[in-house]
Amino acid sequence: MKFYFLLTFSFASVIYILIALKFFLDKRLIFISTKSIFSGQIVFIFFPAAINIMVSMQTKGISNISGFILVLTAIIFIFFVFFIWAKQIQKIEEAYRVIGASNDSFREALHFSLNKNNLSLINIKPQVTQLKDGVNIALKETNNQYILLKIMEGINDYYIENNVKLNNMTLKFYIKKSILILVFGLLLFFILSLIE
């Protein structure tokens, strides 16, 4: 169990570091859909657990009763994770996280995109939420993925054409988060090691 937590937190920490590096090296916004974020969270749970189960199987073997129970648990776990993913992915609203955008520049980019695509702000009613690492955008009154994609393309064009300064807090946010997650994972690992 302690290795599961260590792997989970280490994996999450590496992902955050990779996002920070990409943002620092490319000097461009990162667009991620909410469905991709959810799928990534499922991977955070599944991948370390799968490794932990395989290590346990190698240690205990699969010929005895405990090995059989372990294999059965692994199969049930895989189906459970897949079921949760398949069930929830349909319920998640179509939205995008724009990592590295400030609230003011994003609103300008949004107006630019709507004008470019001949869309009305009143009819589309985009819901914009300021986050620590960027901005989240969703469409309130339509499930049309095509419209949202066109808006995102226009927003990206605005940032490229106007060379807008990106949110400097984004890099610091992801580095701090990565370090905190890793420290917490190591702390949990040592605590569980002492208990065992």
C-alpha atoms as a PDB file:
ATOM      1  CA  MET A   1       0.000   0.000   0.000  1.00  0.00           C
ATOM      2  CA  LYS A   2       2.815   2.420   0.866  1.00  0.00           C
ATOM      3  CA  PHE A   3       4.352   1.906  -2.601  1.00  0.00           C
ATOM      4  CA  TYR A   4       0.975   2.636  -4.199  1.00  0.00           C
ATOM      5  CA  PHE A   5       0.807   6.047  -2.505  1.00  0.00           C
ATOM      6  CA  LEU A   6       4.443   6.804  -3.351  1.00  0.00           C
ATOM      7  CA  LEU A   7       3.912   5.912  -7.021  1.00  0.00           C
ATOM      8  CA  THR A   8       0.657   7.877  -7.229  1.00  0.00           C
ATOM      9  CA  PHE A   9       2.121  11.069  -5.762  1.00  0.00           C
ATOM     10  CA  SER A  10       5.386  10.706  -7.705  1.00  0.00           C
ATOM     11  CA  PHE A  11       3.473  10.236 -10.959  1.00  0.00           C
ATOM     12  CA  ALA A  12       1.335  13.321 -10.271  1.00  0.00           C
ATOM     13  CA  SER A  13       4.445  15.330  -9.356  1.00  0.00           C
ATOM     14  CA  VAL A  14       6.177  14.395 -12.635  1.00  0.00           C
ATOM     15  CA  ILE A  15       3.086  15.421 -14.642  1.00  0.00           C
ATOM     16  CA  TYR A  16       3.040  18.862 -13.000  1.00  0.00           C
ATOM     17  CA  ILE A  17       6.769  19.310 -13.638  1.00  0.00           C
ATOM     18  CA  LEU A  18       6.267  18.367 -17.320  1.00  0.00           C
ATOM     19  CA  ILE A  19       3.462  20.945 -17.646  1.00  0.00           C
ATOM     20  CA  ALA A  20       5.707  23.592 -16.047  1.00  0.00           C
ATOM     21  CA  LEU A  21       8.595  22.712 -18.396  1.00  0.00           C
ATOM     22  CA  LYS A  22       6.363  22.792 -21.479  1.00  0.00           C
ATOM     23  CA  PHE A  23       4.987  26.180 -20.460  1.00  0.00           C
ATOM     24  CA  PHE A  24       8.492  27.545 -19.741  1.00  0.00           C
ATOM     25  CA  LEU A  25      10.122  26.224 -22.938  1.00  0.00           C
ATOM     26  CA  ASP A  26       7.286  26.882 -25.425  1.00  0.00           C
ATOM     27  CA  LYS A  27       6.186  30.232 -23.930  1.00  0.00           C
ATOM     28  CA  ARG A  28       2.682  29.400 -25.166  1.00  0.00           C
ATOM     29  CA  LEU A  29      -0.692  28.642 -23.637  1.00  0.00           C
ATOM     30  CA  ILE A  30      -1.621  25.027 -22.944  1.00  0.00           C
ATOM     31  CA  PHE A  31      -5.174  23.976 -23.837  1.00  0.00           C
ATOM     32  CA  ILE A  32      -6.607  20.954 -22.011  1.00  0.00           C
ATOM     33  CA  SER A  33     -10.214  19.750 -22.158  1.00  0.00           C
ATOM     34  CA  THR A  34     -11.965  18.885 -18.876  1.00  0.00           C
ATOM     35  CA  LYS A  35     -12.525  15.359 -20.208  1.00  0.00           C
ATOM     36  CA  SER A  36      -8.777  14.936 -20.699  1.00  0.00           C
ATOM     37  CA  ILE A  37      -8.163  16.178 -17.149  1.00  0.00           C
ATOM     38  CA  PHE A  38     -10.680  13.658 -15.795  1.00  0.00           C
ATOM     39  CA  SER A  39      -9.120  10.839 -17.834  1.00  0.00           C
ATOM     40  CA  GLY A  40      -5.711  11.853 -16.489  1.00  0.00           C
ATOM     41  CA  GLN A  41      -6.994  11.660 -12.917  1.00  0.00           C
ATOM     42  CA  ILE A  42      -8.230   8.125 -13.596  1.00  0.00           C
ATOM     43  CA  VAL A  43      -4.753   7.224 -14.899  1.00  0.00           C
ATOM     44  CA  PHE A  44      -3.241   8.665 -11.683  1.00  0.00           C
ATOM     45  CA  ILE A  45      -5.321   6.147  -9.735  1.00  0.00           C
ATOM     46  CA  PHE A  46      -5.026   3.190 -12.110  1.00  0.00           C
ATOM     47  CA  PHE A  47      -1.377   3.218 -13.217  1.00  0.00           C
ATOM     48  CA  PRO A  48       0.329   3.128  -9.778  1.00  0.00           C
ATOM     49  CA  ALA A  49      -2.263   0.625  -8.509  1.00  0.00           C
ATOM     50  CA  ALA A  50      -1.570  -1.672 -11.474  1.00  0.00           C
ATOM     51  CA  ILE A  51       2.188  -1.557 -10.777  1.00  0.00           C
ATOM     52  CA  ASN A  52       1.603  -2.210  -7.067  1.00  0.00           C
ATOM     53  CA  ILE A  53      -0.597  -5.244  -7.861  1.00  0.00           C
ATOM     54  CA  MET A  54       1.973  -6.656 -10.314  1.00  0.00           C
ATOM     55  CA  VAL A  55       4.762  -6.308  -7.728  1.00  0.00           C
ATOM     56  CA  SER A  56       2.588  -8.044  -5.136  1.00  0.00           C
ATOM     57  CA  MET A  57       1.790 -10.844  -7.596  1.00  0.00           C
ATOM     58  CA  GLN A  58       5.474 -11.346  -8.302  1.00  0.00           C
ATOM     59  CA  THR A  59       6.234 -11.513  -4.584  1.00  0.00           C
ATOM     60  CA  LYS A  60       3.373 -13.792  -3.555  1.00  0.00           C
ATOM     61  CA  GLY A  61       2.892 -15.756  -6.772  1.00  0.00           C
ATOM     62  CA  ILE A  62      -0.490 -16.729  -8.229  1.00  0.00           C
ATOM     63  CA  SER A  63      -0.557 -20.440  -7.428  1.00  0.00           C
ATOM     64  CA  ASN A  64      -1.781 -20.131  -3.832  1.00  0.00           C
ATOM     65  CA  ILE A  65      -5.032 -18.729  -2.432  1.00  0.00           C
ATOM     66  CA  SER A  66      -3.668 -15.263  -1.622  1.00  0.00           C
ATOM     67  CA  GLY A  67      -2.296 -15.005  -5.164  1.00  0.00           C
ATOM     68  CA  PHE A  68      -5.661 -15.969  -6.636  1.00  0.00           C
ATOM     69  CA  ILE A  69      -7.445 -13.360  -4.490  1.00  0.00           C
ATOM     70  CA  LEU A  70      -4.901 -10.762  -5.641  1.00  0.00           C
ATOM     71  CA  VAL A  71      -5.549 -11.567  -9.330  1.00  0.00           C
ATOM     72  CA  LEU A  72      -9.317 -11.452  -8.750  1.00  0.00           C
ATOM     73  CA  THR A  73      -8.963  -8.106  -6.949  1.00  0.00           C
ATOM     74  CA  ALA A  74      -6.901  -6.755  -9.860  1.00  0.00           C
ATOM     75  CA  ILE A  75      -9.548  -7.794 -12.413  1.00  0.00           C
ATOM     76  CA  ILE A  76     -12.375  -6.274 -10.347  1.00  0.00           C
ATOM     77  CA  PHE A  77     -10.339  -3.083  -9.871  1.00  0.00           C
ATOM     78  CA  ILE A  78      -9.689  -2.722 -13.630  1.00  0.00           C
ATOM     79  CA  PHE A  79     -13.384  -3.164 -14.473  1.00  0.00           C
ATOM     80  CA  PHE A  80     -14.396  -0.774 -11.684  1.00  0.00           C
ATOM     81  CA  VAL A  81     -12.012   1.976 -12.891  1.00  0.00           C
ATOM     82  CA  PHE A  82     -13.160   1.534 -16.495  1.00  0.00           C
ATOM     83  CA  PHE A  83     -16.827   1.609 -15.410  1.00  0.00           C
ATOM     84  CA  ILE A  84     -16.339   4.836 -13.423  1.00  0.00           C
ATOM     85  CA  TRP A  85     -14.498   6.444 -16.360  1.00  0.00           C
ATOM     86  CA  ALA A  86     -17.140   5.400 -18.932  1.00  0.00           C
ATOM     87  CA  LYS A  87     -20.003   6.529 -16.680  1.00  0.00           C
ATOM     88  CA  GLN A  88     -18.612   9.907 -15.676  1.00  0.00           C
ATOM     89  CA  ILE A  89     -16.981  10.965 -18.966  1.00  0.00           C
ATOM     90  CA  GLN A  90     -20.449  11.449 -20.494  1.00  0.00           C
ATOM     91  CA  LYS A  91     -21.604  13.709 -17.653  1.00  0.00           C
ATOM     92  CA  ILE A  92     -18.668  16.115 -17.736  1.00  0.00           C
ATOM     93  CA  GLU A  93     -19.502  19.397 -19.419  1.00  0.00           C
ATOM     94  CA  GLU A  94     -17.592  20.421 -22.524  1.00  0.00           C
ATOM     95  CA  ALA A  95     -15.029  22.876 -21.204  1.00  0.00           C
ATOM     96  CA  TYR A  96     -11.380  23.818 -21.597  1.00  0.00           C
ATOM     97  CA  ARG A  97      -8.636  24.781 -19.174  1.00  0.00           C
ATOM     98  CA  VAL A  98      -6.370  27.427 -20.696  1.00  0.00           C
ATOM     99  CA  ILE A  99      -3.135  27.179 -18.713  1.00  0.00           C
ATOM    100  CA  GLY A 100      -1.072  30.366 -18.621  1.00  0.00           C
ATOM    101  CA  ALA A 101      -3.802  32.880 -19.507  1.00  0.00           C
ATOM    102  CA  SER A 102      -4.604  35.891 -17.332  1.00  0.00           C
ATOM    103  CA  ASN A 103      -8.241  36.885 -16.856  1.00  0.00           C
ATOM    104  CA  ASP A 104      -7.959  40.233 -18.686  1.00  0.00           C
ATOM    105  CA  SER A 105      -6.042  38.971 -21.721  1.00  0.00           C
ATOM    106  CA  PHE A 106      -8.334  35.953 -21.975  1.00  0.00           C
ATOM    107  CA  ARG A 107     -11.462  38.111 -22.138  1.00  0.00           C
ATOM    108  CA  GLU A 108      -9.890  40.145 -24.939  1.00  0.00           C
ATOM    109  CA  ALA A 109      -8.985  36.910 -26.723  1.00  0.00           C
ATOM    110  CA  LEU A 110     -12.543  35.622 -26.257  1.00  0.00           C
ATOM    111  CA  HIS A 111     -14.067  38.769 -27.819  1.00  0.00           C
ATOM    112  CA  PHE A 112     -11.575  38.496 -30.689  1.00  0.00           C
ATOM    113  CA  SER A 113     -12.527  34.850 -31.272  1.00  0.00           C
ATOM    114  CA  LEU A 114     -16.285  35.518 -31.160  1.00  0.00           C
ATOM    115  CA  ASN A 115     -15.951  38.359 -33.684  1.00  0.00           C
ATOM    116  CA  LYS A 116     -13.719  36.234 -35.916  1.00  0.00           C
ATOM    117  CA  ASN A 117     -16.244  33.371 -35.938  1.00  0.00           C
ATOM    118  CA  ASN A 118     -19.294  35.694 -36.229  1.00  0.00           C
ATOM    119  CA  LEU A 119     -20.656  34.538 -32.884  1.00  0.00           C
ATOM    120  CA  SER A 120     -22.639  36.593 -30.385  1.00  0.00           C
ATOM    121  CA  LEU A 121     -21.575  36.859 -26.741  1.00  0.00           C
ATOM    122  CA  ILE A 122     -25.246  37.032 -25.724  1.00  0.00           C
ATOM    123  CA  ASN A 123     -26.267  33.895 -27.643  1.00  0.00           C
ATOM    124  CA  ILE A 124     -23.241  31.780 -26.763  1.00  0.00           C
ATOM    125  CA  LYS A 125     -23.073  32.813 -23.068  1.00  0.00           C
ATOM    126  CA  PRO A 126     -19.581  31.506 -22.284  1.00  0.00           C
ATOM    127  CA  GLN A 127     -18.830  30.852 -18.625  1.00  0.00           C
ATOM    128  CA  VAL A 128     -15.306  32.020 -17.773  1.00  0.00           C
ATOM    129  CA  THR A 129     -13.677  31.139 -14.442  1.00  0.00           C
ATOM    130  CA  GLN A 130     -10.335  32.533 -13.295  1.00  0.00           C
ATOM    131  CA  LEU A 131      -8.062  29.865 -11.794  1.00  0.00           C
ATOM    132  CA  LYS A 132      -4.600  30.015 -10.222  1.00  0.00           C
ATOM    133  CA  ASP A 133      -2.980  28.391 -13.255  1.00  0.00           C
ATOM    134  CA  GLY A 134      -5.099  30.026 -15.954  1.00  0.00           C
ATOM    135  CA  VAL A 135      -8.716  30.240 -17.065  1.00  0.00           C
ATOM    136  CA  ASN A 136     -11.546  27.742 -17.470  1.00  0.00           C
ATOM    137  CA  ILE A 137     -14.154  28.244 -20.225  1.00  0.00           C
ATOM    138  CA  ALA A 138     -17.439  26.410 -20.794  1.00  0.00           C
ATOM    139  CA  LEU A 139     -20.557  27.090 -22.857  1.00  0.00           C
ATOM    140  CA  LYS A 140     -23.721  27.467 -20.784  1.00  0.00           C
ATOM    141  CA  GLU A 141     -26.525  26.954 -23.262  1.00  0.00           C
ATOM    142  CA  THR A 142     -25.126  24.680 -25.930  1.00  0.00           C
ATOM    143  CA  ASN A 143     -23.497  21.264 -26.115  1.00  0.00           C
ATOM    144  CA  ASN A 144     -22.077  21.978 -29.540  1.00  0.00           C
ATOM    145  CA  GLN A 145     -18.453  20.843 -29.322  1.00  0.00           C
ATOM    146  CA  TYR A 146     -17.753  22.308 -32.770  1.00  0.00           C
ATOM    147  CA  ILE A 147     -18.585  25.854 -31.610  1.00  0.00           C
ATOM    148  CA  LEU A 148     -16.373  25.509 -28.545  1.00  0.00           C
ATOM    149  CA  LEU A 149     -13.473  24.219 -30.669  1.00  0.00           C
ATOM    150  CA  LYS A 150     -13.849  27.168 -33.078  1.00  0.00           C
ATOM    151  CA  ILE A 151     -13.791  29.570 -30.122  1.00  0.00           C
ATOM    152  CA  MET A 152     -10.636  27.911 -28.747  1.00  0.00           C
ATOM    153  CA  GLU A 153      -8.936  28.142 -32.156  1.00  0.00           C
ATOM    154  CA  GLY A 154      -9.752  31.860 -32.301  1.00  0.00           C
ATOM    155  CA  ILE A 155      -8.411  32.399 -28.774  1.00  0.00           C
ATOM    156  CA  ASN A 156      -5.171  30.627 -29.700  1.00  0.00           C
ATOM    157  CA  ASP A 157      -4.869  32.783 -32.850  1.00  0.00           C
ATOM    158  CA  TYR A 158      -5.273  35.936 -30.746  1.00  0.00           C
ATOM    159  CA  TYR A 159      -2.405  34.992 -28.422  1.00  0.00           C
ATOM    160  CA  ILE A 160      -0.144  34.075 -31.364  1.00  0.00           C
ATOM    161  CA  GLU A 161      -0.923  37.184 -33.429  1.00  0.00           C
ATOM    162  CA  ASN A 162      -0.713  39.689 -30.555  1.00  0.00           C
ATOM    163  CA  ASN A 163       2.216  38.183 -28.625  1.00  0.00           C
ATOM    164  CA  VAL A 164       0.372  38.714 -25.323  1.00  0.00           C
ATOM    165  CA  LYS A 165       2.348  38.376 -22.098  1.00  0.00           C
ATOM    166  CA  LEU A 166       1.456  35.133 -20.332  1.00  0.00           C
ATOM    167  CA  ASN A 167       0.578  34.689 -16.678  1.00  0.00           C
ATOM    168  CA  ASN A 168       3.921  34.414 -14.823  1.00  0.00           C
ATOM    169  CA  MET A 169       2.256  32.843 -11.779  1.00  0.00           C
ATOM    170  CA  THR A 170       1.527  29.668 -13.784  1.00  0.00           C
ATOM    171  CA  LEU A 171       5.103  28.379 -13.753  1.00  0.00           C
ATOM    172  CA  LYS A 172       5.496  29.037 -10.019  1.00  0.00           C
ATOM    173  CA  PHE A 173       2.112  27.424  -9.322  1.00  0.00           C
ATOM    174  CA  TYR A 174       3.012  24.133 -11.050  1.00  0.00           C
ATOM    175  CA  ILE A 175       6.524  23.920  -9.569  1.00  0.00           C
ATOM    176  CA  LYS A 176       5.193  24.559  -6.038  1.00  0.00           C
ATOM    177  CA  LYS A 177       2.381  22.064  -6.530  1.00  0.00           C
ATOM    178  CA  SER A 178       4.809  19.439  -7.854  1.00  0.00           C
ATOM    179  CA  ILE A 179       7.140  19.836  -4.855  1.00  0.00           C
ATOM    180  CA  LEU A 180       4.263  19.765  -2.338  1.00  0.00           C
ATOM    181  CA  ILE A 181       2.769  16.609  -3.884  1.00  0.00           C
ATOM    182  CA  LEU A 182       6.139  14.830  -3.895  1.00  0.00           C
ATOM    183  CA  VAL A 183       6.926  15.842  -0.284  1.00  0.00           C
ATOM    184  CA  PHE A 184       3.477  14.708   0.858  1.00  0.00           C
ATOM    185  CA  GLY A 185       3.897  11.383  -0.970  1.00  0.00           C
ATOM    186  CA  LEU A 186       7.318  10.761   0.634  1.00  0.00           C
ATOM    187  CA  LEU A 187       5.989  11.745   4.062  1.00  0.00           C
ATOM    188  CA  LEU A 188       3.070   9.331   3.713  1.00  0.00           C
ATOM    189  CA  PHE A 189       5.460   6.606   2.550  1.00  0.00           C
ATOM    190  CA  PHE A 190       7.693   7.003   5.618  1.00  0.00           C
ATOM    191  CA  ILE A 191       4.719   7.130   8.006  1.00  0.00           C
ATOM    192  CA  LEU A 192       3.318   3.900   6.549  1.00  0.00           C
ATOM    193  CA  SER A 193       6.796   2.328   6.695  1.00  0.00           C
ATOM    194  CA  LEU A 194       6.975   3.103  10.442  1.00  0.00           C
ATOM    195  CA  ILE A 195       3.477   1.694  11.055  1.00  0.00           C
ATOM    196  CA  GLU A 196       4.296  -1.552   9.208  1.00  0.00           C
END
